[in-house]
Structures are given as C-alpha cells and as structure tokens.
C-alpha cells in the first residue's frame, strides 16, 4: 500500500484534531471498534452536541469516518490518515538525524 504524505493543510487539520485529549481518546476508541455518536457521548462528561462537534473536527481531519446506520451515526477510525501523519514524523526524524550526524562530523573534524 502506498501512503502519500500529508500536505500542509491536511497536516494542520490532523494535528489540530489530535491537539485535544477528548478527540485523541475518541480516535483511539473508534480505531478499536466503531461506535455510534450516542455511545461515544455516554463515555464523556459533556453534552451530546459537544461530542458531535469533536467528531466533526476529527471527520474534517479525515481521522474518523462517519456513516448512517438507520437513525444512528456510526463513527470508525481512519488508520490511513494516521499512517500519513506517522510518515510526516518519520521525515522530520530523518531530517534531524541527518543534522545531528552533520554536527557530529563537524565536531569530530574540529577535534582532529
């Protein structure tokens, strides 16, 4: 499977979505098992409408997908978006490892 990296706007939405504790918990919950918004709302000390807003932020970030099942809205996680975010972190890590290696080389050359 080829997973492209996030563009800047997508990265902003993903990290904005993951910046909140409740939203991170919702993502972890629905990655394990899809849930209705009603069952998600029962888990938190907040209104149903507040949970709906959290889910909407996550949906805009493509971290979750919502579908209708009768009268219920069912939410499930989207691991592809998390893979894209992980690839972005991998790219940052590679950049910093390269920079540290370059600094190590400079320090070694100065000692010689």
PDB file of N, CA and C in Angstrom:
ATOM      1  N   UNK A   1       0.836  -1.175   0.000  1.00  0.00           N
ATOM      2  CA  UNK A   1       0.000   0.000   0.000  1.00  0.00           C
ATOM      3  C   UNK A   1       0.886   1.244   0.000  1.00  0.00           C
ATOM      4  N   UNK A   2       0.611   2.162  -0.880  1.00  0.00           N
ATOM      5  CA  UNK A   2       1.342   3.420  -0.938  1.00  0.00           C
ATOM      6  C   UNK A   2       0.538   4.464  -0.176  1.00  0.00           C
ATOM      7  N   UNK A   3       1.187   5.078   0.789  1.00  0.00           N
ATOM      8  CA  UNK A   3       0.534   6.115   1.578  1.00  0.00           C
ATOM      9  C   UNK A   3       1.316   7.395   1.359  1.00  0.00           C
ATOM     10  N   UNK A   4       0.678   8.377   0.725  1.00  0.00           N
ATOM     11  CA  UNK A   4       1.374   9.639   0.486  1.00  0.00           C
ATOM     12  C   UNK A   4       1.419  10.439   1.777  1.00  0.00           C
ATOM     13  N   UNK A   5       2.279  11.428   1.803  1.00  0.00           N
ATOM     14  CA  UNK A   5       2.364  12.283   2.981  1.00  0.00           C
ATOM     15  C   UNK A   5       1.256  13.318   2.971  1.00  0.00           C
ATOM     16  N   UNK A   6       1.055  13.919   4.113  1.00  0.00           N
ATOM     17  CA  UNK A   6       0.059  14.973   4.242  1.00  0.00           C
ATOM     18  C   UNK A   6       0.567  16.262   3.628  1.00  0.00           C
ATOM     19  N   UNK A   7      -0.329  17.008   2.957  1.00  0.00           N
ATOM     20  CA  UNK A   7       0.068  18.349   2.554  1.00  0.00           C
ATOM     21  C   UNK A   7      -0.100  19.261   3.776  1.00  0.00           C
ATOM     22  N   UNK A   8       0.296  20.514   3.643  1.00  0.00           N
ATOM     23  CA  UNK A   8       0.296  21.407   4.802  1.00  0.00           C
ATOM     24  C   UNK A   8      -1.088  21.596   5.409  1.00  0.00           C
ATOM     25  N   UNK A   9      -2.095  21.782   4.582  1.00  0.00           N
ATOM     26  CA  UNK A   9      -3.455  21.982   5.098  1.00  0.00           C
ATOM     27  C   UNK A   9      -3.961  20.725   5.811  1.00  0.00           C
ATOM     28  N   UNK A  10      -3.682  19.554   5.235  1.00  0.00           N
ATOM     29  CA  UNK A  10      -4.084  18.300   5.880  1.00  0.00           C
ATOM     30  C   UNK A  10      -3.374  18.131   7.212  1.00  0.00           C
ATOM     31  N   UNK A  11      -2.072  18.427   7.238  1.00  0.00           N
ATOM     32  CA  UNK A  11      -1.310  18.299   8.488  1.00  0.00           C
ATOM     33  C   UNK A  11      -1.881  19.225   9.555  1.00  0.00           C
ATOM     34  N   UNK A  12      -2.224  20.441   9.175  1.00  0.00           N
ATOM     35  CA  UNK A  12      -2.832  21.376  10.134  1.00  0.00           C
ATOM     36  C   UNK A  12      -4.121  20.798  10.712  1.00  0.00           C
ATOM     37  N   UNK A  13      -4.965  20.233   9.853  1.00  0.00           N
ATOM     38  CA  UNK A  13      -6.236  19.671  10.333  1.00  0.00           C
ATOM     39  C   UNK A  13      -6.001  18.459  11.233  1.00  0.00           C
ATOM     40  N   UNK A  14      -5.065  17.609  10.850  1.00  0.00           N
ATOM     41  CA  UNK A  14      -4.783  16.404  11.646  1.00  0.00           C
ATOM     42  C   UNK A  14      -4.258  16.790  13.026  1.00  0.00           C
ATOM     43  N   UNK A  15      -3.276  17.667  13.063  1.00  0.00           N
ATOM     44  CA  UNK A  15      -2.688  17.997  14.362  1.00  0.00           C
ATOM     45  C   UNK A  15      -3.621  18.859  15.202  1.00  0.00           C
ATOM     46  N   UNK A  16      -4.460  19.654  14.576  1.00  0.00           N
ATOM     47  CA  UNK A  16      -5.496  20.386  15.317  1.00  0.00           C
ATOM     48  C   UNK A  16      -6.483  19.376  15.906  1.00  0.00           C
ATOM     49  N   UNK A  17      -6.818  18.378  15.129  1.00  0.00           N
ATOM     50  CA  UNK A  17      -7.735  17.344  15.621  1.00  0.00           C
ATOM     51  C   UNK A  17      -7.157  16.561  16.783  1.00  0.00           C
ATOM     52  N   UNK A  18      -5.873  16.278  16.714  1.00  0.00           N
ATOM     53  CA  UNK A  18      -5.228  15.485  17.764  1.00  0.00           C
ATOM     54  C   UNK A  18      -4.760  16.316  18.951  1.00  0.00           C
ATOM     55  N   UNK A  19      -4.933  17.623  18.883  1.00  0.00           N
ATOM     56  CA  UNK A  19      -4.449  18.508  19.955  1.00  0.00           C
ATOM     57  C   UNK A  19      -5.310  18.439  21.208  1.00  0.00           C
ATOM     58  N   UNK A  20      -6.482  17.836  21.110  1.00  0.00           N
ATOM     59  CA  UNK A  20      -7.395  17.782  22.240  1.00  0.00           C
ATOM     60  C   UNK A  20      -7.448  16.366  22.819  1.00  0.00           C
ATOM     61  N   UNK A  21      -7.402  16.268  24.146  1.00  0.00           N
ATOM     62  CA  UNK A  21      -7.409  14.967  24.823  1.00  0.00           C
ATOM     63  C   UNK A  21      -8.645  14.144  24.474  1.00  0.00           C
ATOM     64  N   UNK A  22      -9.802  14.765  24.496  1.00  0.00           N
ATOM     65  CA  UNK A  22     -11.038  14.036  24.192  1.00  0.00           C
ATOM     66  C   UNK A  22     -11.015  13.512  22.767  1.00  0.00           C
ATOM     67  N   UNK A  23     -10.562  14.328  21.830  1.00  0.00           N
ATOM     68  CA  UNK A  23     -10.521  13.878  20.436  1.00  0.00           C
ATOM     69  C   UNK A  23      -9.531  12.730  20.252  1.00  0.00           C
ATOM     70  N   UNK A  24      -8.386  12.805  20.935  1.00  0.00           N
ATOM     71  CA  UNK A  24      -7.433  11.686  20.844  1.00  0.00           C
ATOM     72  C   UNK A  24      -8.068  10.411  21.388  1.00  0.00           C
ATOM     73  N   UNK A  25      -8.818  10.538  22.488  1.00  0.00           N
ATOM     74  CA  UNK A  25      -9.479   9.374  23.062  1.00  0.00           C
ATOM     75  C   UNK A  25     -10.550   8.830  22.120  1.00  0.00           C
ATOM     76  N   UNK A  26     -11.291   9.710  21.481  1.00  0.00           N
ATOM     77  CA  UNK A  26     -12.303   9.269  20.510  1.00  0.00           C
ATOM     78  C   UNK A  26     -11.631   8.494  19.378  1.00  0.00           C
ATOM     79  N   UNK A  27     -10.527   9.020  18.856  1.00  0.00           N
ATOM     80  CA  UNK A  27      -9.820   8.326  17.767  1.00  0.00           C
ATOM     81  C   UNK A  27      -9.381   6.936  18.225  1.00  0.00           C
ATOM     82  N   UNK A  28      -8.775   6.853  19.404  1.00  0.00           N
ATOM     83  CA  UNK A  28      -8.322   5.545  19.902  1.00  0.00           C
ATOM     84  C   UNK A  28      -9.499   4.585  20.080  1.00  0.00           C
ATOM     85  N   UNK A  29     -10.606   5.098  20.590  1.00  0.00           N
ATOM     86  CA  UNK A  29     -11.792   4.267  20.816  1.00  0.00           C
ATOM     87  C   UNK A  29     -12.339   3.714  19.507  1.00  0.00           C
ATOM     88  N   UNK A  30     -12.515   4.581  18.518  1.00  0.00           N
ATOM     89  CA  UNK A  30     -13.130   4.126  17.262  1.00  0.00           C
ATOM     90  C   UNK A  30     -12.148   3.381  16.360  1.00  0.00           C
ATOM     91  N   UNK A  31     -10.871   3.473  16.643  1.00  0.00           N
ATOM     92  CA  UNK A  31      -9.927   2.611  15.922  1.00  0.00           C
ATOM     93  C   UNK A  31     -10.060   1.172  16.417  1.00  0.00           C
ATOM     94  N   UNK A  32     -10.348   1.024  17.716  1.00  0.00           N
ATOM     95  CA  UNK A  32     -10.534  -0.330  18.269  1.00  0.00           C
ATOM     96  C   UNK A  32     -11.851  -0.941  17.809  1.00  0.00           C
ATOM     97  N   UNK A  33     -12.910  -0.119  17.827  1.00  0.00           N
ATOM     98  CA  UNK A  33     -14.240  -0.611  17.440  1.00  0.00           C
ATOM     99  C   UNK A  33     -15.121   0.572  17.083  1.00  0.00           C
ATOM    100  N   UNK A  34     -15.833   0.462  15.971  1.00  0.00           N
ATOM    101  CA  UNK A  34     -16.717   1.561  15.588  1.00  0.00           C
ATOM    102  C   UNK A  34     -17.760   1.785  16.686  1.00  0.00           C
ATOM    103  N   UNK A  35     -18.187   3.037  16.789  1.00  0.00           N
ATOM    104  CA  UNK A  35     -19.125   3.429  17.837  1.00  0.00           C
ATOM    105  C   UNK A  35     -20.152   4.381  17.256  1.00  0.00           C
ATOM    106  N   UNK A  36     -21.325   4.385  17.841  1.00  0.00           N
ATOM    107  CA  UNK A  36     -22.295   5.418  17.495  1.00  0.00           C
ATOM    108  C   UNK A  36     -21.906   6.680  18.256  1.00  0.00           C
ATOM    109  N   UNK A  37     -22.343   7.811  17.760  1.00  0.00           N
ATOM    110  CA  UNK A  37     -22.062   9.053  18.479  1.00  0.00           C
ATOM    111  C   UNK A  37     -22.729   9.012  19.843  1.00  0.00           C
ATOM    112  N   UNK A  38     -23.890   8.385  19.935  1.00  0.00           N
ATOM    113  CA  UNK A  38     -24.571   8.252  21.233  1.00  0.00           C
ATOM    114  C   UNK A  38     -23.711   7.478  22.230  1.00  0.00           C
ATOM    115  N   UNK A  39     -23.122   6.373  21.791  1.00  0.00           N
ATOM    116  CA  UNK A  39     -22.286   5.596  22.715  1.00  0.00           C
ATOM    117  C   UNK A  39     -21.009   6.352  23.063  1.00  0.00           C
ATOM    118  N   UNK A  40     -20.487   7.124  22.124  1.00  0.00           N
ATOM    119  CA  UNK A  40     -19.324   7.961  22.441  1.00  0.00           C
ATOM    120  C   UNK A  40     -19.706   9.020  23.471  1.00  0.00           C
ATOM    121  N   UNK A  41     -20.862   9.642  23.277  1.00  0.00           N
ATOM    122  CA  UNK A  41     -21.308  10.704  24.190  1.00  0.00           C
ATOM    123  C   UNK A  41     -21.474  10.174  25.607  1.00  0.00           C
ATOM    124  N   UNK A  42     -21.870   8.925  25.751  1.00  0.00           N
ATOM    125  CA  UNK A  42     -22.054   8.335  27.082  1.00  0.00           C
ATOM    126  C   UNK A  42     -20.727   8.178  27.827  1.00  0.00           C
ATOM    127  N   UNK A  43     -19.623   8.179  27.106  1.00  0.00           N
ATOM    128  CA  UNK A  43     -18.299   7.998  27.719  1.00  0.00           C
ATOM    129  C   UNK A  43     -17.756   9.277  28.347  1.00  0.00           C
ATOM    130  N   UNK A  44     -18.283  10.413  27.978  1.00  0.00           N
ATOM    131  CA  UNK A  44     -17.685  11.689  28.367  1.00  0.00           C
ATOM    132  C   UNK A  44     -18.656  12.536  29.182  1.00  0.00           C
ATOM    133  N   UNK A  45     -18.094  13.343  30.046  1.00  0.00           N
ATOM    134  CA  UNK A  45     -18.884  14.252  30.874  1.00  0.00           C
ATOM    135  C   UNK A  45     -19.098  15.554  30.103  1.00  0.00           C
ATOM    136  N   UNK A  46     -19.822  15.433  29.000  1.00  0.00           N
ATOM    137  CA  UNK A  46     -20.152  16.594  28.166  1.00  0.00           C
ATOM    138  C   UNK A  46     -21.416  16.275  27.398  1.00  0.00           C
ATOM    139  N   UNK A  47     -21.963  17.268  26.769  1.00  0.00           N
ATOM    140  CA  UNK A  47     -23.223  17.074  26.046  1.00  0.00           C
ATOM    141  C   UNK A  47     -23.008  16.266  24.765  1.00  0.00           C
ATOM    142  N   UNK A  48     -24.097  15.716  24.296  1.00  0.00           N
ATOM    143  CA  UNK A  48     -24.105  15.017  23.014  1.00  0.00           C
ATOM    144  C   UNK A  48     -23.609  15.944  21.906  1.00  0.00           C
ATOM    145  N   UNK A  49     -24.090  17.204  21.937  1.00  0.00           N
ATOM    146  CA  UNK A  49     -23.698  18.192  20.912  1.00  0.00           C
ATOM    147  C   UNK A  49     -22.192  18.448  20.942  1.00  0.00           C
ATOM    148  N   UNK A  50     -21.605  18.486  22.136  1.00  0.00           N
ATOM    149  CA  UNK A  50     -20.160  18.709  22.243  1.00  0.00           C
ATOM    150  C   UNK A  50     -19.389  17.541  21.628  1.00  0.00           C
ATOM    151  N   UNK A  51     -19.853  16.325  21.881  1.00  0.00           N
ATOM    152  CA  UNK A  51     -19.197  15.151  21.282  1.00  0.00           C
ATOM    153  C   UNK A  51     -19.356  15.197  19.767  1.00  0.00           C
ATOM    154  N   UNK A  52     -20.532  15.583  19.285  1.00  0.00           N
ATOM    155  CA  UNK A  52     -20.734  15.722  17.839  1.00  0.00           C
ATOM    156  C   UNK A  52     -19.733  16.710  17.246  1.00  0.00           C
ATOM    157  N   UNK A  53     -19.484  17.809  17.939  1.00  0.00           N
ATOM    158  CA  UNK A  53     -18.526  18.808  17.445  1.00  0.00           C
ATOM    159  C   UNK A  53     -17.121  18.234  17.404  1.00  0.00           C
ATOM    160  N   UNK A  54     -16.750  17.473  18.433  1.00  0.00           N
ATOM    161  CA  UNK A  54     -15.430  16.827  18.426  1.00  0.00           C
ATOM    162  C   UNK A  54     -15.314  15.871  17.237  1.00  0.00           C
ATOM    163  N   UNK A  55     -16.356  15.090  17.011  1.00  0.00           N
ATOM    164  CA  UNK A  55     -16.340  14.140  15.894  1.00  0.00           C
ATOM    165  C   UNK A  55     -16.260  14.895  14.568  1.00  0.00           C
ATOM    166  N   UNK A  56     -16.933  16.028  14.463  1.00  0.00           N
ATOM    167  CA  UNK A  56     -16.885  16.820  13.227  1.00  0.00           C
ATOM    168  C   UNK A  56     -15.466  17.316  12.949  1.00  0.00           C
ATOM    169  N   UNK A  57     -14.755  17.748  13.989  1.00  0.00           N
ATOM    170  CA  UNK A  57     -13.359  18.178  13.818  1.00  0.00           C
ATOM    171  C   UNK A  57     -12.519  17.003  13.324  1.00  0.00           C
ATOM    172  N   UNK A  58     -12.735  15.837  13.926  1.00  0.00           N
ATOM    173  CA  UNK A  58     -11.977  14.643  13.522  1.00  0.00           C
ATOM    174  C   UNK A  58     -12.338  14.200  12.102  1.00  0.00           C
ATOM    175  N   UNK A  59     -13.590  14.366  11.747  1.00  0.00           N
ATOM    176  CA  UNK A  59     -14.019  13.998  10.396  1.00  0.00           C
ATOM    177  C   UNK A  59     -13.396  14.935   9.357  1.00  0.00           C
ATOM    178  N   UNK A  60     -13.355  16.241   9.648  1.00  0.00           N
ATOM    179  CA  UNK A  60     -12.708  17.190   8.721  1.00  0.00           C
ATOM    180  C   UNK A  60     -11.227  16.874   8.554  1.00  0.00           C
ATOM    181  N   UNK A  61     -10.624  16.337   9.607  1.00  0.00           N
ATOM    182  CA  UNK A  61      -9.206  15.968   9.545  1.00  0.00           C
ATOM    183  C   UNK A  61      -8.998  14.589   8.926  1.00  0.00           C
ATOM    184  N   UNK A  62     -10.083  13.910   8.566  1.00  0.00           N
ATOM    185  CA  UNK A  62     -10.052  12.553   7.993  1.00  0.00           C
ATOM    186  C   UNK A  62      -9.472  11.529   8.969  1.00  0.00           C
ATOM    187  N   UNK A  63      -9.552  11.827  10.265  1.00  0.00           N
ATOM    188  CA  UNK A  63      -9.104  10.874  11.277  1.00  0.00           C
ATOM    189  C   UNK A  63     -10.193   9.856  11.597  1.00  0.00           C
ATOM    190  N   UNK A  64     -11.439  10.232  11.344  1.00  0.00           N
ATOM    191  CA  UNK A  64     -12.564   9.315  11.500  1.00  0.00           C
ATOM    192  C   UNK A  64     -13.476   9.463  10.285  1.00  0.00           C
ATOM    193  N   UNK A  65     -14.295   8.456  10.081  1.00  0.00           N
ATOM    194  CA  UNK A  65     -15.299   8.463   9.024  1.00  0.00           C
ATOM    195  C   UNK A  65     -16.637   8.174   9.690  1.00  0.00           C
ATOM    196  N   UNK A  66     -17.646   8.923   9.280  1.00  0.00           N
ATOM    197  CA  UNK A  66     -18.981   8.776   9.843  1.00  0.00           C
ATOM    198  C   UNK A  66     -19.903   8.244   8.756  1.00  0.00           C
ATOM    199  N   UNK A  67     -20.801   7.348   9.147  1.00  0.00           N
ATOM    200  CA  UNK A  67     -21.810   6.851   8.206  1.00  0.00           C
ATOM    201  C   UNK A  67     -23.108   6.653   8.973  1.00  0.00           C
ATOM    202  N   UNK A  68     -24.186   6.660   8.239  1.00  0.00           N
ATOM    203  CA  UNK A  68     -25.508   6.449   8.848  1.00  0.00           C
ATOM    204  C   UNK A  68     -25.841   4.970   8.868  1.00  0.00           C
ATOM    205  N   UNK A  69     -26.417   4.559   9.978  1.00  0.00           N
ATOM    206  CA  UNK A  69     -26.993   3.212  10.092  1.00  0.00           C
ATOM    207  C   UNK A  69     -28.358   3.421  10.742  1.00  0.00           C
ATOM    208  N   UNK A  70     -29.369   3.488   9.902  1.00  0.00           N
ATOM    209  CA  UNK A  70     -30.696   3.824  10.408  1.00  0.00           C
ATOM    210  C   UNK A  70     -30.694   5.247  10.933  1.00  0.00           C
ATOM    211  N   UNK A  71     -31.068   5.411  12.182  1.00  0.00           N
ATOM    212  CA  UNK A  71     -31.107   6.738  12.797  1.00  0.00           C
ATOM    213  C   UNK A  71     -29.779   7.108  13.446  1.00  0.00           C
ATOM    214  N   UNK A  72     -28.876   6.148  13.553  1.00  0.00           N
ATOM    215  CA  UNK A  72     -27.601   6.389  14.235  1.00  0.00           C
ATOM    216  C   UNK A  72     -26.523   6.839  13.261  1.00  0.00           C
ATOM    217  N   UNK A  73     -25.586   7.602  13.795  1.00  0.00           N
ATOM    218  CA  UNK A  73     -24.382   7.945  13.057  1.00  0.00           C
ATOM    219  C   UNK A  73     -23.253   7.100  13.652  1.00  0.00           C
ATOM    220  N   UNK A  74     -22.658   6.287  12.823  1.00  0.00           N
ATOM    221  CA  UNK A  74     -21.603   5.377  13.264  1.00  0.00           C
ATOM    222  C   UNK A  74     -20.251   5.971  12.873  1.00  0.00           C
ATOM    223  N   UNK A  75     -19.327   5.939  13.805  1.00  0.00           N
ATOM    224  CA  UNK A  75     -18.006   6.523  13.603  1.00  0.00           C
ATOM    225  C   UNK A  75     -16.969   5.409  13.665  1.00  0.00           C
ATOM    226  N   UNK A  76     -16.073   5.403  12.695  1.00  0.00           N
ATOM    227  CA  UNK A  76     -14.933   4.473  12.779  1.00  0.00           C
ATOM    228  C   UNK A  76     -13.663   5.229  12.418  1.00  0.00           C
ATOM    229  N   UNK A  77     -12.547   4.712  12.921  1.00  0.00           N
ATOM    230  CA  UNK A  77     -11.263   5.366  12.713  1.00  0.00           C
ATOM    231  C   UNK A  77     -10.746   5.188  11.303  1.00  0.00           C
ATOM    232  N   UNK A  78      -9.884   6.098  10.896  1.00  0.00           N
ATOM    233  CA  UNK A  78      -9.268   6.045   9.570  1.00  0.00           C
ATOM    234  C   UNK A  78      -7.757   5.910   9.752  1.00  0.00           C
ATOM    235  N   UNK A  79      -7.245   4.680   9.797  1.00  0.00           N
ATOM    236  CA  UNK A  79      -5.816   4.491  10.028  1.00  0.00           C
ATOM    237  C   UNK A  79      -4.931   5.052   8.912  1.00  0.00           C
ATOM    238  N   UNK A  80      -5.464   5.210   7.707  1.00  0.00           N
ATOM    239  CA  UNK A  80      -4.653   5.762   6.611  1.00  0.00           C
ATOM    240  C   UNK A  80      -4.147   7.166   6.949  1.00  0.00           C
ATOM    241  N   UNK A  81      -5.003   7.983   7.543  1.00  0.00           N
ATOM    242  CA  UNK A  81      -4.580   9.340   7.905  1.00  0.00           C
ATOM    243  C   UNK A  81      -3.512   9.296   8.986  1.00  0.00           C
ATOM    244  N   UNK A  82      -3.643   8.382   9.940  1.00  0.00           N
ATOM    245  CA  UNK A  82      -2.610   8.254  10.977  1.00  0.00           C
ATOM    246  C   UNK A  82      -1.288   7.786  10.371  1.00  0.00           C
ATOM    247  N   UNK A  83      -1.370   6.920   9.361  1.00  0.00           N
ATOM    248  CA  UNK A  83      -0.138   6.486   8.680  1.00  0.00           C
ATOM    249  C   UNK A  83       0.544   7.667   7.978  1.00  0.00           C
ATOM    250  N   UNK A  84      -0.272   8.524   7.372  1.00  0.00           N
ATOM    251  CA  UNK A  84       0.292   9.718   6.715  1.00  0.00           C
ATOM    252  C   UNK A  84       0.963  10.624   7.734  1.00  0.00           C
ATOM    253  N   UNK A  85       0.340  10.809   8.891  1.00  0.00           N
ATOM    254  CA  UNK A  85       0.937  11.635   9.941  1.00  0.00           C
ATOM    255  C   UNK A  85       2.235  10.993  10.438  1.00  0.00           C
ATOM    256  N   UNK A  86       2.236   9.676  10.568  1.00  0.00           N
ATOM    257  CA  UNK A  86       3.452   8.975  11.001  1.00  0.00           C
ATOM    258  C   UNK A  86       4.572   9.155   9.984  1.00  0.00           C
ATOM    259  N   UNK A  87       4.220   9.137   8.705  1.00  0.00           N
ATOM    260  CA  UNK A  87       5.250   9.358   7.673  1.00  0.00           C
ATOM    261  C   UNK A  87       5.823  10.764   7.767  1.00  0.00           C
ATOM    262  N   UNK A  88       4.980  11.730   8.109  1.00  0.00           N
ATOM    263  CA  UNK A  88       5.474  13.095   8.291  1.00  0.00           C
ATOM    264  C   UNK A  88       6.462  13.137   9.451  1.00  0.00           C
ATOM    265  N   UNK A  89       6.124  12.482  10.558  1.00  0.00           N
ATOM    266  CA  UNK A  89       7.051  12.421  11.683  1.00  0.00           C
ATOM    267  C   UNK A  89       8.332  11.688  11.306  1.00  0.00           C
ATOM    268  N   UNK A  90       8.221  10.635  10.514  1.00  0.00           N
ATOM    269  CA  UNK A  90       9.410   9.918  10.051  1.00  0.00           C
ATOM    270  C   UNK A  90      10.321  10.837   9.240  1.00  0.00           C
ATOM    271  N   UNK A  91       9.725  11.673   8.400  1.00  0.00           N
ATOM    272  CA  UNK A  91      10.508  12.621   7.597  1.00  0.00           C
ATOM    273  C   UNK A  91      11.218  13.631   8.503  1.00  0.00           C
ATOM    274  N   UNK A  92      10.495  14.131   9.516  1.00  0.00           N
ATOM    275  CA  UNK A  92      11.130  15.051  10.473  1.00  0.00           C
ATOM    276  C   UNK A  92      12.268  14.365  11.217  1.00  0.00           C
ATOM    277  N   UNK A  93      12.041  13.131  11.625  1.00  0.00           N
ATOM    278  CA  UNK A  93      13.083  12.397  12.339  1.00  0.00           C
ATOM    279  C   UNK A  93      14.311  12.201  11.454  1.00  0.00           C
ATOM    280  N   UNK A  94      14.106  11.848  10.196  1.00  0.00           N
ATOM    281  CA  UNK A  94      15.235  11.660   9.278  1.00  0.00           C
ATOM    282  C   UNK A  94      16.007  12.958   9.105  1.00  0.00           C
ATOM    283  N   UNK A  95      15.293  14.067   8.992  1.00  0.00           N
ATOM    284  CA  UNK A  95      15.941  15.372   8.866  1.00  0.00           C
ATOM    285  C   UNK A  95      16.814  15.653  10.084  1.00  0.00           C
ATOM    286  N   UNK A  96      16.269  15.462  11.273  1.00  0.00           N
ATOM    287  CA  UNK A  96      17.020  15.753  12.489  1.00  0.00           C
ATOM    288  C   UNK A  96      18.173  14.774  12.689  1.00  0.00           C
ATOM    289  N   UNK A  97      17.992  13.516  12.340  1.00  0.00           N
ATOM    290  CA  UNK A  97      19.111  12.565  12.442  1.00  0.00           C
ATOM    291  C   UNK A  97      20.245  12.989  11.500  1.00  0.00           C
ATOM    292  N   UNK A  98      19.881  13.444  10.306  1.00  0.00           N
ATOM    293  CA  UNK A  98      20.888  13.921   9.355  1.00  0.00           C
ATOM    294  C   UNK A  98      21.629  15.130   9.934  1.00  0.00           C
ATOM    295  N   UNK A  99      20.882  16.059  10.535  1.00  0.00           N
ATOM    296  CA  UNK A  99      21.505  17.253  11.120  1.00  0.00           C
ATOM    297  C   UNK A  99      22.417  16.892  12.286  1.00  0.00           C
ATOM    298  N   UNK A 100      22.005  15.976  13.131  1.00  0.00           N
ATOM    299  CA  UNK A 100      22.841  15.551  14.256  1.00  0.00           C
ATOM    300  C   UNK A 100      24.111  14.887  13.736  1.00  0.00           C
ATOM    301  N   UNK A 101      23.974  14.072  12.715  1.00  0.00           N
ATOM    302  CA  UNK A 101      25.148  13.427  12.129  1.00  0.00           C
ATOM    303  C   UNK A 101      26.103  14.471  11.550  1.00  0.00           C
ATOM    304  N   UNK A 102      25.556  15.499  10.914  1.00  0.00           N
ATOM    305  CA  UNK A 102      26.401  16.563  10.358  1.00  0.00           C
ATOM    306  C   UNK A 102      27.120  17.319  11.474  1.00  0.00           C
ATOM    307  N   UNK A 103      26.429  17.574  12.572  1.00  0.00           N
ATOM    308  CA  UNK A 103      27.066  18.255  13.714  1.00  0.00           C
ATOM    309  C   UNK A 103      28.160  17.370  14.293  1.00  0.00           C
ATOM    310  N   UNK A 104      27.886  16.069  14.428  1.00  0.00           N
ATOM    311  CA  UNK A 104      28.897  15.139  14.925  1.00  0.00           C
ATOM    312  C   UNK A 104      30.147  15.164  14.045  1.00  0.00           C
ATOM    313  N   UNK A 105      29.927  15.209  12.732  1.00  0.00           N
ATOM    314  CA  UNK A 105      31.052  15.268  11.796  1.00  0.00           C
ATOM    315  C   UNK A 105      31.853  16.550  11.983  1.00  0.00           C
ATOM    316  N   UNK A 106      31.175  17.679  12.123  1.00  0.00           N
ATOM    317  CA  UNK A 106      31.854  18.950  12.335  1.00  0.00           C
ATOM    318  C   UNK A 106      32.642  18.953  13.635  1.00  0.00           C
ATOM    319  N   UNK A 107      32.060  18.434  14.678  1.00  0.00           N
ATOM    320  CA  UNK A 107      32.747  18.384  15.974  1.00  0.00           C
ATOM    321  C   UNK A 107      33.959  17.469  15.885  1.00  0.00           C
ATOM    322  N   UNK A 108      33.821  16.331  15.223  1.00  0.00           N
ATOM    323  CA  UNK A 108      34.941  15.396  15.048  1.00  0.00           C
ATOM    324  C   UNK A 108      36.065  16.036  14.246  1.00  0.00           C
ATOM    325  N   UNK A 109      35.725  16.781  13.167  1.00  0.00           N
ATOM    326  CA  UNK A 109      36.721  17.450  12.341  1.00  0.00           C
ATOM    327  C   UNK A 109      37.455  18.514  13.130  1.00  0.00           C
ATOM    328  N   UNK A 110      36.766  19.226  14.019  1.00  0.00           N
ATOM    329  CA  UNK A 110      37.381  20.263  14.839  1.00  0.00           C
ATOM    330  C   UNK A 110      38.365  19.677  15.836  1.00  0.00           C
ATOM    331  N   UNK A 111      38.126  18.464  16.295  1.00  0.00           N
ATOM    332  CA  UNK A 111      38.990  17.831  17.273  1.00  0.00           C
ATOM    333  C   UNK A 111      40.256  17.271  16.630  1.00  0.00           C
ATOM    334  N   UNK A 112      40.209  17.054  15.330  1.00  0.00           N
ATOM    335  CA  UNK A 112      41.348  16.434  14.640  1.00  0.00           C
ATOM    336  C   UNK A 112      42.480  17.390  14.423  1.00  0.00           C
TER     337      UNK A 112
END
